[in-house]
Amino acid sequence: MDDPEVAQVLRRRREDQPHRRLRKGMYILPSLFTTANIALGYYAILQVTHGTAQDPSHFDNAAKAIGFAVLFDGLDGRIARMTHTSSDFGRELDSLADVVTFGVAPALLAWVWGFRQLPAFLGSSELTGKLIQLGAIASFLFLMAGASRLARFNITSNPQPSNPGRPGKKYFVGMPIPAGAGVIAAVVHFSEGDPIASVWSCVTWMLIIVAAGYLMVSTWRFYSFKDIDFRSRQPFRLIILFGALFAGIWFFSRYLLFVLALTYMASGVVWRLLWIFRRKNTPPPSYKEASQTS
């Protein structure tokens, strides 16, 4: 006759098997969002290669794909933390996805949309040739800055920003690469994909690209929004705020996303300047780096 204790253990194992399978399946969920992130980046690259001055809608489609990728990038990390399914594989996959979707895709979009189409409007000349070359350099610097930002994030532990914020708040050290890509996508979407057609607009665009790249590799603080806990009961006004934000993006995406992207980019500069004017000889407050993704 079988031992009752052994039979009980075997019964518990059989009962736990569905829970274990469900647990293993939960680990796939964040990776699915990361896969969608990569797919959107690949789609954006394809759209950029098809864009021309005569058919600029492809540029707008690429910008929209990058914008949706920013949303998926935020969801995969938050889902992994909420379901306790974070893993080394997920973090590495997420970093590689970010290089493609928020590095290669926006850099290519910034160059083709902002510089490569100039001969169609200004004609082929030495000036347009130089602007195209300088634009390629600026776009490459953006790509390298984004990759360096990801590499620094992966190897550092609890880094300190050069202008610490308030204790208890979570900040990024340097502008995260999804925000940098969001700036590129928001400007292109604001123009509805119509390429740049003047020299001064081209120079301004070049400065925006270089500034976004510099802010990514800087040690300036940027708010991470990681202290917002969606699992707890939220105040009614916060629900109204998110509802109004969603409605605004749905109906006025061009203008609202443009303002949000540039405002977030400028916020790091403003906080840096305020810190310079207000800094004292007191020791900086304690700081904890916010988790960017998975």
C-alpha atoms as a PDB file:
ATOM      1  CA  MET A   1       0.000   0.000   0.000  1.00  0.00           C
ATOM      2  CA  ASP A   2       1.325   3.447  -0.908  1.00  0.00           C
ATOM      3  CA  ASP A   3       2.549   5.826   1.751  1.00  0.00           C
ATOM      4  CA  PRO A   4      -0.141   8.521   2.386  1.00  0.00           C
ATOM      5  CA  GLU A   5       2.495  11.274   2.606  1.00  0.00           C
ATOM      6  CA  VAL A   6       3.972  10.333  -0.776  1.00  0.00           C
ATOM      7  CA  ALA A   7       0.504  10.255  -2.334  1.00  0.00           C
ATOM      8  CA  GLN A   8      -0.208  13.706  -0.910  1.00  0.00           C
ATOM      9  CA  VAL A   9       3.032  15.105  -2.341  1.00  0.00           C
ATOM     10  CA  LEU A  10       2.262  13.646  -5.780  1.00  0.00           C
ATOM     11  CA  ARG A  11      -1.230  15.100  -5.681  1.00  0.00           C
ATOM     12  CA  ARG A  12       0.136  18.549  -4.826  1.00  0.00           C
ATOM     13  CA  ARG A  13       2.588  18.347  -7.708  1.00  0.00           C
ATOM     14  CA  ARG A  14      -0.200  17.523 -10.134  1.00  0.00           C
ATOM     15  CA  GLU A  15      -2.251  20.430  -8.802  1.00  0.00           C
ATOM     16  CA  ASP A  16       0.709  22.821  -9.126  1.00  0.00           C
ATOM     17  CA  GLN A  17       1.459  21.929 -12.743  1.00  0.00           C
ATOM     18  CA  PRO A  18      -1.160  24.271 -14.301  1.00  0.00           C
ATOM     19  CA  HIS A  19       0.090  27.121 -12.104  1.00  0.00           C
ATOM     20  CA  ARG A  20       3.671  26.468 -13.159  1.00  0.00           C
ATOM     21  CA  ARG A  21       2.719  26.453 -16.832  1.00  0.00           C
ATOM     22  CA  LEU A  22       0.837  29.703 -16.345  1.00  0.00           C
ATOM     23  CA  ARG A  23       3.831  31.177 -14.569  1.00  0.00           C
ATOM     24  CA  LYS A  24       6.141  30.202 -17.417  1.00  0.00           C
ATOM     25  CA  GLY A  25       3.703  31.665 -19.924  1.00  0.00           C
ATOM     26  CA  MET A  26       3.721  34.989 -18.092  1.00  0.00           C
ATOM     27  CA  TYR A  27       7.422  35.385 -18.908  1.00  0.00           C
ATOM     28  CA  ILE A  28       6.530  35.507 -22.604  1.00  0.00           C
ATOM     29  CA  LEU A  29       4.161  38.463 -22.181  1.00  0.00           C
ATOM     30  CA  PRO A  30       6.765  41.234 -21.750  1.00  0.00           C
ATOM     31  CA  SER A  31       8.824  39.774 -24.599  1.00  0.00           C
ATOM     32  CA  LEU A  32       5.768  39.988 -26.866  1.00  0.00           C
ATOM     33  CA  PHE A  33       5.627  43.746 -26.309  1.00  0.00           C
ATOM     34  CA  THR A  34       9.370  43.952 -26.977  1.00  0.00           C
ATOM     35  CA  THR A  35       8.860  42.000 -30.200  1.00  0.00           C
ATOM     36  CA  ALA A  36       6.153  44.464 -31.217  1.00  0.00           C
ATOM     37  CA  ASN A  37       8.647  47.230 -30.455  1.00  0.00           C
ATOM     38  CA  ILE A  38      11.166  45.697 -32.887  1.00  0.00           C
ATOM     39  CA  ALA A  39       8.472  45.141 -35.527  1.00  0.00           C
ATOM     40  CA  LEU A  40       7.439  48.797 -35.359  1.00  0.00           C
ATOM     41  CA  GLY A  41      11.060  49.890 -35.702  1.00  0.00           C
ATOM     42  CA  TYR A  42      11.510  47.664 -38.741  1.00  0.00           C
ATOM     43  CA  TYR A  43       8.273  48.989 -40.233  1.00  0.00           C
ATOM     44  CA  ALA A  44       9.466  52.557 -39.663  1.00  0.00           C
ATOM     45  CA  ILE A  45      12.726  51.836 -41.521  1.00  0.00           C
ATOM     46  CA  LEU A  46      10.786  50.366 -44.452  1.00  0.00           C
ATOM     47  CA  GLN A  47       8.530  53.423 -44.589  1.00  0.00           C
ATOM     48  CA  VAL A  48      11.504  55.789 -44.569  1.00  0.00           C
ATOM     49  CA  THR A  49      13.072  53.997 -47.534  1.00  0.00           C
ATOM     50  CA  HIS A  50       9.833  54.466 -49.501  1.00  0.00           C
ATOM     51  CA  GLY A  51       9.367  58.147 -48.611  1.00  0.00           C
ATOM     52  CA  THR A  52       9.937  60.865 -51.193  1.00  0.00           C
ATOM     53  CA  ALA A  53       9.173  64.557 -51.546  1.00  0.00           C
ATOM     54  CA  GLN A  54       6.300  63.605 -53.868  1.00  0.00           C
ATOM     55  CA  ASP A  55       4.895  61.009 -51.458  1.00  0.00           C
ATOM     56  CA  PRO A  56       5.696  62.221 -47.908  1.00  0.00           C
ATOM     57  CA  SER A  57       3.018  60.110 -46.214  1.00  0.00           C
ATOM     58  CA  HIS A  58       5.600  57.358 -45.693  1.00  0.00           C
ATOM     59  CA  PHE A  59       7.599  59.663 -43.436  1.00  0.00           C
ATOM     60  CA  ASP A  60       4.502  60.351 -41.353  1.00  0.00           C
ATOM     61  CA  ASN A  61       3.820  56.608 -41.126  1.00  0.00           C
ATOM     62  CA  ALA A  62       7.371  56.044 -39.891  1.00  0.00           C
ATOM     63  CA  ALA A  63       6.924  58.734 -37.239  1.00  0.00           C
ATOM     64  CA  LYS A  64       3.659  57.163 -36.079  1.00  0.00           C
ATOM     65  CA  ALA A  65       5.309  53.738 -35.853  1.00  0.00           C
ATOM     66  CA  ILE A  66       8.062  55.159 -33.631  1.00  0.00           C
ATOM     67  CA  GLY A  67       5.416  56.836 -31.480  1.00  0.00           C
ATOM     68  CA  PHE A  68       3.561  53.561 -30.959  1.00  0.00           C
ATOM     69  CA  ALA A  69       6.882  51.877 -30.204  1.00  0.00           C
ATOM     70  CA  VAL A  70       7.452  54.349 -27.355  1.00  0.00           C
ATOM     71  CA  LEU A  71       4.144  53.186 -25.881  1.00  0.00           C
ATOM     72  CA  PHE A  72       5.048  49.484 -26.197  1.00  0.00           C
ATOM     73  CA  ASP A  73       8.474  50.151 -24.717  1.00  0.00           C
ATOM     74  CA  GLY A  74       6.891  51.600 -21.617  1.00  0.00           C
ATOM     75  CA  LEU A  75       4.405  48.761 -21.320  1.00  0.00           C
ATOM     76  CA  ASP A  76       6.848  45.853 -21.504  1.00  0.00           C
ATOM     77  CA  GLY A  77       8.889  47.027 -18.544  1.00  0.00           C
ATOM     78  CA  ARG A  78       5.861  47.922 -16.456  1.00  0.00           C
ATOM     79  CA  ILE A  79       4.180  44.572 -17.189  1.00  0.00           C
ATOM     80  CA  ALA A  80       7.375  42.713 -16.299  1.00  0.00           C
ATOM     81  CA  ARG A  81       7.540  44.493 -12.958  1.00  0.00           C
ATOM     82  CA  MET A  82       3.833  44.061 -12.187  1.00  0.00           C
ATOM     83  CA  THR A  83       3.906  40.328 -12.989  1.00  0.00           C
ATOM     84  CA  HIS A  84       7.356  39.774 -11.434  1.00  0.00           C
ATOM     85  CA  THR A  85       8.630  38.270 -14.687  1.00  0.00           C
ATOM     86  CA  SER A  86      11.746  40.395 -15.193  1.00  0.00           C
ATOM     87  CA  SER A  87      14.677  38.419 -16.565  1.00  0.00           C
ATOM     88  CA  ASP A  88      18.172  38.979 -17.926  1.00  0.00           C
ATOM     89  CA  PHE A  89      16.998  37.796 -21.333  1.00  0.00           C
ATOM     90  CA  GLY A  90      14.175  40.341 -21.343  1.00  0.00           C
ATOM     91  CA  ARG A  91      16.491  43.187 -20.383  1.00  0.00           C
ATOM     92  CA  GLU A  92      19.039  42.325 -23.085  1.00  0.00           C
ATOM     93  CA  LEU A  93      16.327  41.892 -25.723  1.00  0.00           C
ATOM     94  CA  ASP A  94      14.802  45.202 -24.741  1.00  0.00           C
ATOM     95  CA  SER A  95      18.142  47.003 -25.090  1.00  0.00           C
ATOM     96  CA  LEU A  96      18.732  45.539 -28.547  1.00  0.00           C
ATOM     97  CA  ALA A  97      15.194  46.475 -29.568  1.00  0.00           C
ATOM     98  CA  ASP A  98      15.763  50.047 -28.390  1.00  0.00           C
ATOM     99  CA  VAL A  99      18.895  50.383 -30.536  1.00  0.00           C
ATOM    100  CA  VAL A 100      16.912  49.416 -33.633  1.00  0.00           C
ATOM    101  CA  THR A 101      13.619  51.208 -32.952  1.00  0.00           C
ATOM    102  CA  PHE A 102      14.839  54.319 -31.128  1.00  0.00           C
ATOM    103  CA  GLY A 103      18.322  54.547 -32.616  1.00  0.00           C
ATOM    104  CA  VAL A 104      18.544  53.347 -36.211  1.00  0.00           C
ATOM    105  CA  ALA A 105      14.959  54.121 -37.267  1.00  0.00           C
ATOM    106  CA  PRO A 106      14.769  57.750 -36.008  1.00  0.00           C
ATOM    107  CA  ALA A 107      18.334  58.503 -37.176  1.00  0.00           C
ATOM    108  CA  LEU A 108      17.456  57.317 -40.682  1.00  0.00           C
ATOM    109  CA  LEU A 109      14.156  59.206 -40.568  1.00  0.00           C
ATOM    110  CA  ALA A 110      15.890  62.390 -39.396  1.00  0.00           C
ATOM    111  CA  TRP A 111      18.373  62.270 -42.274  1.00  0.00           C
ATOM    112  CA  VAL A 112      16.090  61.244 -45.145  1.00  0.00           C
ATOM    113  CA  TRP A 113      13.247  63.563 -44.098  1.00  0.00           C
ATOM    114  CA  GLY A 114      15.351  66.543 -43.075  1.00  0.00           C
ATOM    115  CA  PHE A 115      18.297  66.492 -45.482  1.00  0.00           C
ATOM    116  CA  ARG A 116      18.089  63.930 -48.271  1.00  0.00           C
ATOM    117  CA  GLN A 117      15.078  65.597 -49.920  1.00  0.00           C
ATOM    118  CA  LEU A 118      16.676  69.051 -50.155  1.00  0.00           C
ATOM    119  CA  PRO A 119      17.709  68.749 -53.843  1.00  0.00           C
ATOM    120  CA  ALA A 120      14.036  68.307 -54.756  1.00  0.00           C
ATOM    121  CA  PHE A 121      13.320  71.800 -53.390  1.00  0.00           C
ATOM    122  CA  LEU A 122      16.602  73.729 -53.655  1.00  0.00           C
ATOM    123  CA  GLY A 123      18.209  71.949 -56.577  1.00  0.00           C
ATOM    124  CA  SER A 124      21.559  70.192 -56.638  1.00  0.00           C
ATOM    125  CA  SER A 125      24.322  72.522 -55.489  1.00  0.00           C
ATOM    126  CA  GLU A 126      27.406  72.522 -53.318  1.00  0.00           C
ATOM    127  CA  LEU A 127      25.400  73.946 -50.409  1.00  0.00           C
ATOM    128  CA  THR A 128      22.773  71.221 -50.472  1.00  0.00           C
ATOM    129  CA  GLY A 129      25.509  68.614 -50.789  1.00  0.00           C
ATOM    130  CA  LYS A 130      27.243  69.937 -47.689  1.00  0.00           C
ATOM    131  CA  LEU A 131      23.979  70.067 -45.766  1.00  0.00           C
ATOM    132  CA  ILE A 132      23.241  66.447 -46.691  1.00  0.00           C
ATOM    133  CA  GLN A 133      26.698  65.418 -45.458  1.00  0.00           C
ATOM    134  CA  LEU A 134      26.385  67.387 -42.222  1.00  0.00           C
ATOM    135  CA  GLY A 135      22.927  65.921 -41.702  1.00  0.00           C
ATOM    136  CA  ALA A 136      24.331  62.405 -42.058  1.00  0.00           C
ATOM    137  CA  ILE A 137      26.953  63.209 -39.429  1.00  0.00           C
ATOM    138  CA  ALA A 138      24.357  64.682 -37.049  1.00  0.00           C
ATOM    139  CA  SER A 139      22.076  61.667 -37.493  1.00  0.00           C
ATOM    140  CA  PHE A 140      24.965  59.294 -36.842  1.00  0.00           C
ATOM    141  CA  LEU A 141      25.855  61.219 -33.669  1.00  0.00           C
ATOM    142  CA  PHE A 142      22.253  60.812 -32.537  1.00  0.00           C
ATOM    143  CA  LEU A 143      22.480  57.061 -33.120  1.00  0.00           C
ATOM    144  CA  MET A 144      25.786  56.752 -31.251  1.00  0.00           C
ATOM    145  CA  ALA A 145      24.482  58.883 -28.384  1.00  0.00           C
ATOM    146  CA  GLY A 146      21.435  56.648 -28.035  1.00  0.00           C
ATOM    147  CA  ALA A 147      23.515  53.471 -28.078  1.00  0.00           C
ATOM    148  CA  SER A 148      25.929  54.950 -25.538  1.00  0.00           C
ATOM    149  CA  ARG A 149      22.993  55.957 -23.329  1.00  0.00           C
ATOM    150  CA  LEU A 150      21.740  52.364 -23.329  1.00  0.00           C
ATOM    151  CA  ALA A 151      25.207  50.952 -22.665  1.00  0.00           C
ATOM    152  CA  ARG A 152      25.730  53.320 -19.730  1.00  0.00           C
ATOM    153  CA  PHE A 153      22.345  52.416 -18.301  1.00  0.00           C
ATOM    154  CA  ASN A 154      23.119  48.693 -18.505  1.00  0.00           C
ATOM    155  CA  ILE A 155      26.483  48.841 -16.721  1.00  0.00           C
ATOM    156  CA  THR A 156      25.912  51.478 -14.042  1.00  0.00           C
ATOM    157  CA  SER A 157      24.380  50.860 -10.641  1.00  0.00           C
ATOM    158  CA  ASN A 158      22.572  53.722  -8.879  1.00  0.00           C
ATOM    159  CA  PRO A 159      24.266  56.563 -10.842  1.00  0.00           C
ATOM    160  CA  GLN A 160      24.111  60.119  -9.546  1.00  0.00           C
ATOM    161  CA  PRO A 161      22.872  62.929 -11.789  1.00  0.00           C
ATOM    162  CA  SER A 162      25.003  66.054 -11.892  1.00  0.00           C
ATOM    163  CA  ASN A 163      21.992  68.056 -10.675  1.00  0.00           C
ATOM    164  CA  PRO A 164      20.218  65.833  -8.083  1.00  0.00           C
ATOM    165  CA  GLY A 165      16.494  66.165  -7.619  1.00  0.00           C
ATOM    166  CA  ARG A 166      14.254  65.755  -4.604  1.00  0.00           C
ATOM    167  CA  PRO A 167      14.644  62.632  -2.462  1.00  0.00           C
ATOM    168  CA  GLY A 168      11.938  60.064  -3.081  1.00  0.00           C
ATOM    169  CA  LYS A 169      11.544  61.064  -6.723  1.00  0.00           C
ATOM    170  CA  LYS A 170      12.850  58.837  -9.498  1.00  0.00           C
ATOM    171  CA  TYR A 171      14.806  60.389 -12.311  1.00  0.00           C
ATOM    172  CA  PHE A 172      16.674  59.289 -15.412  1.00  0.00           C
ATOM    173  CA  VAL A 173      20.327  60.251 -15.707  1.00  0.00           C
ATOM    174  CA  GLY A 174      20.265  61.775 -19.167  1.00  0.00           C
ATOM    175  CA  MET A 175      17.282  61.816 -21.485  1.00  0.00           C
ATOM    176  CA  PRO A 176      16.190  58.227 -22.251  1.00  0.00           C
ATOM    177  CA  ILE A 177      16.519  57.082 -25.838  1.00  0.00           C
ATOM    178  CA  PRO A 178      12.735  56.604 -26.367  1.00  0.00           C
ATOM    179  CA  ALA A 179      12.260  60.286 -25.538  1.00  0.00           C
ATOM    180  CA  GLY A 180      14.998  61.254 -27.992  1.00  0.00           C
ATOM    181  CA  ALA A 181      13.339  59.186 -30.707  1.00  0.00           C
ATOM    182  CA  GLY A 182      10.006  60.704 -29.697  1.00  0.00           C
ATOM    183  CA  VAL A 183      11.359  64.195 -30.408  1.00  0.00           C
ATOM    184  CA  ILE A 184      12.352  63.171 -33.940  1.00  0.00           C
ATOM    185  CA  ALA A 185       9.012  61.441 -34.567  1.00  0.00           C
ATOM    186  CA  ALA A 186       6.939  64.288 -33.091  1.00  0.00           C
ATOM    187  CA  VAL A 187       8.545  66.917 -35.327  1.00  0.00           C
ATOM    188  CA  VAL A 188       8.071  64.798 -38.455  1.00  0.00           C
ATOM    189  CA  HIS A 189       4.467  64.003 -37.502  1.00  0.00           C
ATOM    190  CA  PHE A 190       3.808  67.684 -36.818  1.00  0.00           C
ATOM    191  CA  SER A 191       4.723  68.455 -40.440  1.00  0.00           C
ATOM    192  CA  GLU A 192       2.542  65.535 -41.618  1.00  0.00           C
ATOM    193  CA  GLY A 193       5.642  64.086 -43.257  1.00  0.00           C
ATOM    194  CA  ASP A 194       6.332  67.037 -45.559  1.00  0.00           C
ATOM    195  CA  PRO A 195      10.146  67.218 -45.851  1.00  0.00           C
ATOM    196  CA  ILE A 196      12.186  70.273 -44.964  1.00  0.00           C
ATOM    197  CA  ALA A 197      12.419  72.669 -47.911  1.00  0.00           C
ATOM    198  CA  SER A 198      14.596  75.569 -46.696  1.00  0.00           C
ATOM    199  CA  VAL A 199      18.172  76.034 -45.570  1.00  0.00           C
ATOM    200  CA  TRP A 200      17.321  77.658 -42.243  1.00  0.00           C
ATOM    201  CA  SER A 201      14.825  74.947 -41.350  1.00  0.00           C
ATOM    202  CA  CYS A 202      17.496  72.391 -42.202  1.00  0.00           C
ATOM    203  CA  VAL A 203      20.021  74.071 -39.907  1.00  0.00           C
ATOM    204  CA  THR A 204      17.445  74.262 -37.096  1.00  0.00           C
ATOM    205  CA  TRP A 205      16.650  70.578 -37.568  1.00  0.00           C
ATOM    206  CA  MET A 206      20.330  69.731 -37.375  1.00  0.00           C
ATOM    207  CA  LEU A 207      20.635  71.590 -34.068  1.00  0.00           C
ATOM    208  CA  ILE A 208      17.608  69.738 -32.659  1.00  0.00           C
ATOM    209  CA  ILE A 209      19.148  66.382 -33.595  1.00  0.00           C
ATOM    210  CA  VAL A 210      22.495  67.251 -32.029  1.00  0.00           C
ATOM    211  CA  ALA A 211      20.812  68.655 -28.904  1.00  0.00           C
ATOM    212  CA  ALA A 212      18.733  65.489 -28.456  1.00  0.00           C
ATOM    213  CA  GLY A 213      21.864  63.366 -28.803  1.00  0.00           C
ATOM    214  CA  TYR A 214      23.767  65.471 -26.279  1.00  0.00           C
ATOM    215  CA  LEU A 215      20.952  65.324 -23.738  1.00  0.00           C
ATOM    216  CA  MET A 216      20.910  61.518 -23.985  1.00  0.00           C
ATOM    217  CA  VAL A 217      24.585  61.194 -23.039  1.00  0.00           C
ATOM    218  CA  SER A 218      24.456  64.003 -20.485  1.00  0.00           C
ATOM    219  CA  THR A 219      24.197  63.426 -16.737  1.00  0.00           C
ATOM    220  CA  TRP A 220      21.295  65.834 -16.365  1.00  0.00           C
ATOM    221  CA  ARG A 221      18.171  64.594 -14.649  1.00  0.00           C
ATOM    222  CA  PHE A 222      14.889  63.879 -16.418  1.00  0.00           C
ATOM    223  CA  TYR A 223      11.714  62.889 -14.624  1.00  0.00           C
ATOM    224  CA  SER A 224      10.888  59.204 -15.139  1.00  0.00           C
ATOM    225  CA  PHE A 225       7.206  59.038 -14.047  1.00  0.00           C
ATOM    226  CA  LYS A 226       8.100  55.718 -12.376  1.00  0.00           C
ATOM    227  CA  ASP A 227       6.638  56.804  -9.042  1.00  0.00           C
ATOM    228  CA  ILE A 228       3.110  56.629 -10.511  1.00  0.00           C
ATOM    229  CA  ASP A 229       1.629  53.378  -9.215  1.00  0.00           C
ATOM    230  CA  PHE A 230      -1.166  52.144 -11.482  1.00  0.00           C
ATOM    231  CA  ARG A 231      -1.911  49.198  -9.207  1.00  0.00           C
ATOM    232  CA  SER A 232      -3.189  51.348  -6.370  1.00  0.00           C
ATOM    233  CA  ARG A 233      -6.387  53.371  -6.288  1.00  0.00           C
ATOM    234  CA  GLN A 234      -5.769  56.552  -8.219  1.00  0.00           C
ATOM    235  CA  PRO A 235      -7.238  59.941  -7.378  1.00  0.00           C
ATOM    236  CA  PHE A 236     -10.165  60.938  -9.521  1.00  0.00           C
ATOM    237  CA  ARG A 237      -8.317  63.936 -10.940  1.00  0.00           C
ATOM    238  CA  LEU A 238      -5.493  61.658 -12.157  1.00  0.00           C
ATOM    239  CA  ILE A 239      -8.012  59.523 -14.042  1.00  0.00           C
ATOM    240  CA  ILE A 240      -9.463  62.677 -15.589  1.00  0.00           C
ATOM    241  CA  LEU A 241      -5.954  63.805 -16.550  1.00  0.00           C
ATOM    242  CA  PHE A 242      -5.137  60.558 -18.347  1.00  0.00           C
ATOM    243  CA  GLY A 243      -8.509  60.574 -20.066  1.00  0.00           C
ATOM    244  CA  ALA A 244      -7.990  64.138 -21.280  1.00  0.00           C
ATOM    245  CA  LEU A 245      -4.476  63.258 -22.442  1.00  0.00           C
ATOM    246  CA  PHE A 246      -5.734  60.262 -24.410  1.00  0.00           C
ATOM    247  CA  ALA A 247      -8.510  62.316 -26.000  1.00  0.00           C
ATOM    248  CA  GLY A 248      -6.082  65.109 -26.858  1.00  0.00           C
ATOM    249  CA  ILE A 249      -3.672  62.703 -28.558  1.00  0.00           C
ATOM    250  CA  TRP A 250      -6.526  61.021 -30.417  1.00  0.00           C
ATOM    251  CA  PHE A 251      -7.925  64.253 -31.864  1.00  0.00           C
ATOM    252  CA  PHE A 252      -4.889  66.587 -31.859  1.00  0.00           C
ATOM    253  CA  SER A 253      -1.921  64.227 -32.047  1.00  0.00           C
ATOM    254  CA  ARG A 254       0.184  66.494 -34.260  1.00  0.00           C
ATOM    255  CA  TYR A 255       0.126  69.487 -31.947  1.00  0.00           C
ATOM    256  CA  LEU A 256      -0.048  67.761 -28.575  1.00  0.00           C
ATOM    257  CA  LEU A 257       2.737  65.245 -29.210  1.00  0.00           C
ATOM    258  CA  PHE A 258       4.916  68.018 -30.628  1.00  0.00           C
ATOM    259  CA  VAL A 259       4.454  70.119 -27.493  1.00  0.00           C
ATOM    260  CA  LEU A 260       4.887  67.168 -25.118  1.00  0.00           C
ATOM    261  CA  ALA A 261       8.081  65.938 -26.793  1.00  0.00           C
ATOM    262  CA  LEU A 262       9.786  69.317 -26.906  1.00  0.00           C
ATOM    263  CA  THR A 263       8.611  70.202 -23.385  1.00  0.00           C
ATOM    264  CA  TYR A 264      10.096  66.997 -21.964  1.00  0.00           C
ATOM    265  CA  MET A 265      13.312  67.638 -23.848  1.00  0.00           C
ATOM    266  CA  ALA A 266      13.466  71.197 -22.525  1.00  0.00           C
ATOM    267  CA  SER A 267      12.639  70.125 -18.964  1.00  0.00           C
ATOM    268  CA  GLY A 268      16.095  68.646 -18.456  1.00  0.00           C
ATOM    269  CA  VAL A 269      17.692  71.890 -19.609  1.00  0.00           C
ATOM    270  CA  VAL A 270      15.436  73.981 -17.359  1.00  0.00           C
ATOM    271  CA  TRP A 271      16.140  71.822 -14.288  1.00  0.00           C
ATOM    272  CA  ARG A 272      19.848  72.023 -15.024  1.00  0.00           C
ATOM    273  CA  LEU A 273      19.780  75.822 -15.248  1.00  0.00           C
ATOM    274  CA  LEU A 274      17.686  76.124 -12.078  1.00  0.00           C
ATOM    275  CA  TRP A 275      20.142  73.891 -10.256  1.00  0.00           C
ATOM    276  CA  ILE A 276      23.064  76.040 -11.395  1.00  0.00           C
ATOM    277  CA  PHE A 277      21.388  79.193 -10.102  1.00  0.00           C
ATOM    278  CA  ARG A 278      20.210  77.635  -6.827  1.00  0.00           C
ATOM    279  CA  ARG A 279      22.973  75.214  -5.858  1.00  0.00           C
ATOM    280  CA  LYS A 280      24.472  75.549  -2.410  1.00  0.00           C
ATOM    281  CA  ASN A 281      27.276  73.917  -0.456  1.00  0.00           C
ATOM    282  CA  THR A 282      24.950  71.346   1.097  1.00  0.00           C
ATOM    283  CA  PRO A 283      25.484  67.664   0.202  1.00  0.00           C
ATOM    284  CA  PRO A 284      23.207  66.329  -2.553  1.00  0.00           C
ATOM    285  CA  PRO A 285      20.132  64.311  -1.514  1.00  0.00           C
ATOM    286  CA  SER A 286      20.044  60.551  -1.790  1.00  0.00           C
ATOM    287  CA  TYR A 287      19.098  59.357  -5.228  1.00  0.00           C
ATOM    288  CA  LYS A 288      17.944  56.134  -6.821  1.00  0.00           C
ATOM    289  CA  GLU A 289      18.134  55.573 -10.559  1.00  0.00           C
ATOM    290  CA  ALA A 290      14.818  54.718 -12.184  1.00  0.00           C
ATOM    291  CA  SER A 291      14.478  51.552 -14.210  1.00  0.00           C
ATOM    292  CA  GLN A 292      14.031  52.596 -17.822  1.00  0.00           C
ATOM    293  CA  THR A 293      12.563  49.468 -19.294  1.00  0.00           C
ATOM    294  CA  SER A 294      12.326  45.812 -18.277  1.00  0.00           C
END
